[in-house]
């Protein structure tokens, strides 16, 4: 058992994310995206992860913020890459690339919608129903958040593109499992 634990600890920590028709895998040092093109071939891109902000990542309260930013930046970059590959036709690549302005607008809209759905709506409903009972307020707030989350997942799972993305999410988990078991 001790030998197995030491072997596992020597391996790099790997994380992943499903992207459109593919998978993003990353370590602390680099990321790699593999995407299936419409022609069926696998297109890959590997990139180093900048280490400049790592010295600040050891400071209290900054590690989480830096990790969140790094994860979002790498994830969005991988999603844009996968969207361009998935949108290829036989002779042309997607011509309508999102600029920074469009990306920031859609990201801002997603954040506002998330806050409205998962924070404001449950608080308003719970405070209306509970009226001064803090225990009841917390129970209702939690139940409403859970209900909204499950309804959200059920709603988005109706879209074929999202169903396909969920399949690649499973593939990402299988990839990490295979790596951890030397397969």
Protein backbone atom coordinates (compact mmCIF):
# COMPACT_ATOMS: atom_id res chain seq x y z
CA UNK A 1 0.00 0.00 0.00
CA UNK A 2 2.81 2.42 0.84
CA UNK A 3 4.52 1.70 -2.47
CA UNK A 4 1.32 2.43 -4.38
CA UNK A 5 0.82 5.72 -2.52
CA UNK A 6 4.34 6.89 -3.31
CA UNK A 7 3.92 6.04 -6.99
CA UNK A 8 0.68 8.01 -7.17
CA UNK A 9 2.19 11.02 -5.39
CA UNK A 10 5.01 11.23 -7.95
CA UNK A 11 2.57 11.66 -10.82
CA UNK A 12 1.58 15.20 -11.77
CA UNK A 13 -1.83 16.41 -10.70
CA UNK A 14 -4.10 16.52 -13.73
CA UNK A 15 -7.41 18.28 -14.20
CA UNK A 16 -9.72 18.41 -17.13
CA UNK A 17 -12.73 19.97 -18.75
CA UNK A 18 -15.04 18.97 -21.55
CA UNK A 19 -15.03 21.27 -24.58
CA UNK A 20 -17.00 21.18 -27.81
CA UNK A 21 -16.23 17.82 -29.44
CA UNK A 22 -13.20 17.32 -27.23
CA UNK A 23 -11.36 17.39 -23.93
CA UNK A 24 -9.01 19.84 -22.20
CA UNK A 25 -6.42 18.31 -19.86
CA UNK A 26 -4.00 20.35 -17.75
CA UNK A 27 -1.23 20.15 -15.22
CA UNK A 28 0.37 23.05 -13.37
CA UNK A 29 2.85 23.51 -16.22
CA UNK A 30 0.85 22.98 -19.42
CA UNK A 31 -2.54 22.38 -20.98
CA UNK A 32 -3.57 20.27 -23.95
CA UNK A 33 -6.80 20.30 -25.93
CA UNK A 34 -7.87 17.46 -28.21
CA UNK A 35 -10.87 18.11 -30.48
CA UNK A 36 -12.54 15.94 -33.11
CA UNK A 37 -12.93 17.85 -36.38
CA UNK A 38 -16.00 17.42 -38.62
CA UNK A 39 -13.84 15.21 -40.86
CA UNK A 40 -13.20 12.88 -37.90
CA UNK A 41 -9.55 13.63 -37.26
CA UNK A 42 -8.24 14.66 -33.84
CA UNK A 43 -6.75 18.16 -33.69
CA UNK A 44 -4.52 18.87 -30.70
CA UNK A 45 -2.97 21.98 -29.21
CA UNK A 46 -0.55 22.08 -26.28
CA UNK A 47 0.42 25.27 -24.47
CA UNK A 48 2.56 26.09 -21.48
CA UNK A 49 0.82 27.77 -18.57
CA UNK A 50 2.50 31.05 -17.57
CA UNK A 51 4.22 30.84 -14.20
CA UNK A 52 4.52 34.57 -13.49
CA UNK A 53 1.56 34.69 -11.11
CA UNK A 54 2.63 31.56 -9.18
CA UNK A 55 4.80 33.56 -6.76
CA UNK A 56 1.63 35.45 -5.71
CA UNK A 57 -0.33 32.18 -5.46
CA UNK A 58 1.43 31.37 -2.20
CA UNK A 59 0.12 34.50 -0.48
CA UNK A 60 -2.94 34.06 1.73
CA UNK A 61 -6.31 34.81 0.07
CA UNK A 62 -4.80 35.06 -3.41
CA UNK A 63 -4.36 31.37 -4.28
CA UNK A 64 -8.07 30.79 -4.92
CA UNK A 65 -8.51 33.96 -6.96
CA UNK A 66 -5.45 33.22 -9.10
CA UNK A 67 -6.49 29.60 -9.62
CA UNK A 68 -10.03 30.66 -10.59
CA UNK A 69 -8.73 33.23 -13.07
CA UNK A 70 -6.21 30.79 -14.52
CA UNK A 71 -8.85 28.06 -14.87
CA UNK A 72 -11.34 30.41 -16.52
CA UNK A 73 -8.74 31.82 -18.93
CA UNK A 74 -7.49 28.38 -19.98
CA UNK A 75 -11.04 27.01 -20.23
CA UNK A 76 -12.36 29.88 -22.34
CA UNK A 77 -9.33 29.71 -24.63
CA UNK A 78 -9.87 25.95 -25.07
CA UNK A 79 -13.59 26.44 -25.71
CA UNK A 80 -12.88 29.03 -28.40
CA UNK A 81 -10.33 26.69 -30.02
CA UNK A 82 -12.78 23.78 -29.94
CA UNK A 83 -15.62 25.92 -31.30
CA UNK A 84 -13.47 26.96 -34.27
CA UNK A 85 -12.47 23.35 -34.99
CA UNK A 86 -16.02 22.02 -34.59
CA UNK A 87 -17.41 24.75 -36.86
CA UNK A 88 -15.07 23.96 -39.74
CA UNK A 89 -16.58 23.01 -43.04
CA UNK A 90 -14.59 21.27 -45.70
CA UNK A 91 -13.02 24.47 -47.03
CA UNK A 92 -13.42 27.18 -44.45
CA UNK A 93 -13.09 27.76 -40.76
CA UNK A 94 -15.55 29.74 -38.71
CA UNK A 95 -15.28 33.34 -39.92
CA UNK A 96 -17.24 34.89 -37.07
CA UNK A 97 -14.62 34.75 -34.33
CA UNK A 98 -15.66 36.23 -31.04
CA UNK A 99 -13.71 39.32 -30.16
CA UNK A 100 -12.86 40.29 -26.61
CA UNK A 101 -15.86 42.59 -26.47
CA UNK A 102 -18.37 39.88 -27.45
CA UNK A 103 -16.70 37.39 -25.13
CA UNK A 104 -16.83 39.79 -22.18
CA UNK A 105 -20.48 40.66 -22.91
CA UNK A 106 -21.55 37.02 -23.02
CA UNK A 107 -19.48 36.22 -19.92
CA UNK A 108 -20.99 39.21 -18.09
CA UNK A 109 -24.51 38.15 -19.09
CA UNK A 110 -23.82 34.61 -17.85
CA UNK A 111 -22.59 35.90 -14.49
CA UNK A 112 -25.61 38.20 -14.04
CA UNK A 113 -27.99 35.37 -14.98
CA UNK A 114 -26.22 32.98 -12.59
CA UNK A 115 -26.43 35.44 -9.71
CA UNK A 116 -30.11 36.10 -10.44
CA UNK A 117 -31.01 32.41 -10.68
CA UNK A 118 -28.86 30.86 -7.99
CA UNK A 119 -28.53 33.65 -5.40
CA UNK A 120 -31.21 36.32 -5.69
CA UNK A 121 -34.22 34.14 -6.60
CA UNK A 122 -33.71 31.63 -3.74
CA UNK A 123 -33.17 34.47 -1.24
CA UNK A 124 -36.32 36.30 -2.34
CA UNK A 125 -38.44 33.13 -2.28
CA UNK A 126 -37.06 31.99 1.09
CA UNK A 127 -37.51 35.39 2.74
CA UNK A 128 -41.09 35.61 1.43
CA UNK A 129 -42.01 32.13 2.69
CA UNK A 130 -39.98 31.94 5.94
CA UNK A 131 -40.78 35.41 7.33
CA UNK A 132 -38.43 35.61 10.32
CA UNK A 133 -37.84 31.90 10.95
CA UNK A 134 -34.10 31.50 10.27
CA UNK A 135 -34.16 27.68 10.27
CA UNK A 136 -37.04 27.58 7.79
CA UNK A 137 -35.35 30.30 5.73
CA UNK A 138 -32.16 28.20 5.36
CA UNK A 139 -34.08 25.03 4.52
CA UNK A 140 -36.20 26.76 1.89
CA UNK A 141 -33.21 28.66 0.46
CA UNK A 142 -31.24 25.41 0.08
CA UNK A 143 -34.18 23.51 -1.40
CA UNK A 144 -34.94 26.27 -3.91
CA UNK A 145 -31.27 26.43 -4.99
CA UNK A 146 -31.19 22.67 -5.43
CA UNK A 147 -34.49 22.69 -7.34
CA UNK A 148 -33.31 25.48 -9.66
CA UNK A 149 -30.03 23.65 -10.28
CA UNK A 150 -31.75 20.35 -11.12
CA UNK A 151 -34.27 22.14 -13.39
CA UNK A 152 -31.38 23.98 -15.09
CA UNK A 153 -29.54 20.70 -15.72
CA UNK A 154 -32.69 19.03 -17.04
CA UNK A 155 -33.42 21.99 -19.32
CA UNK A 156 -29.96 22.24 -20.85
CA UNK A 157 -29.75 18.46 -21.25
CA UNK A 158 -32.58 18.73 -23.80
CA UNK A 159 -30.14 20.31 -26.29
CA UNK A 160 -28.23 17.83 -28.46
CA UNK A 161 -25.04 19.90 -28.27
CA UNK A 162 -25.14 19.84 -24.48
CA UNK A 163 -25.80 16.09 -24.46
CA UNK A 164 -22.68 15.68 -26.57
CA UNK A 165 -20.73 17.95 -24.20
CA UNK A 166 -21.87 15.78 -21.26
CA UNK A 167 -20.47 12.74 -23.10
CA UNK A 168 -17.11 14.45 -23.45
CA UNK A 169 -17.26 15.34 -19.76
CA UNK A 170 -17.50 11.61 -19.08
CA UNK A 171 -14.57 11.03 -21.45
CA UNK A 172 -12.52 13.57 -19.49
CA UNK A 173 -13.16 11.61 -16.27
CA UNK A 174 -12.25 8.33 -17.99
CA UNK A 175 -9.01 9.87 -19.28
CA UNK A 176 -7.91 10.94 -15.81
CA UNK A 177 -8.93 7.54 -14.40
CA UNK A 178 -6.87 5.75 -17.07
CA UNK A 179 -3.86 8.00 -16.38
CA UNK A 180 -4.08 7.44 -12.62
CA UNK A 181 -4.11 3.67 -13.21
CA UNK A 182 -1.23 3.66 -15.74
CA UNK A 183 -3.48 2.63 -18.59
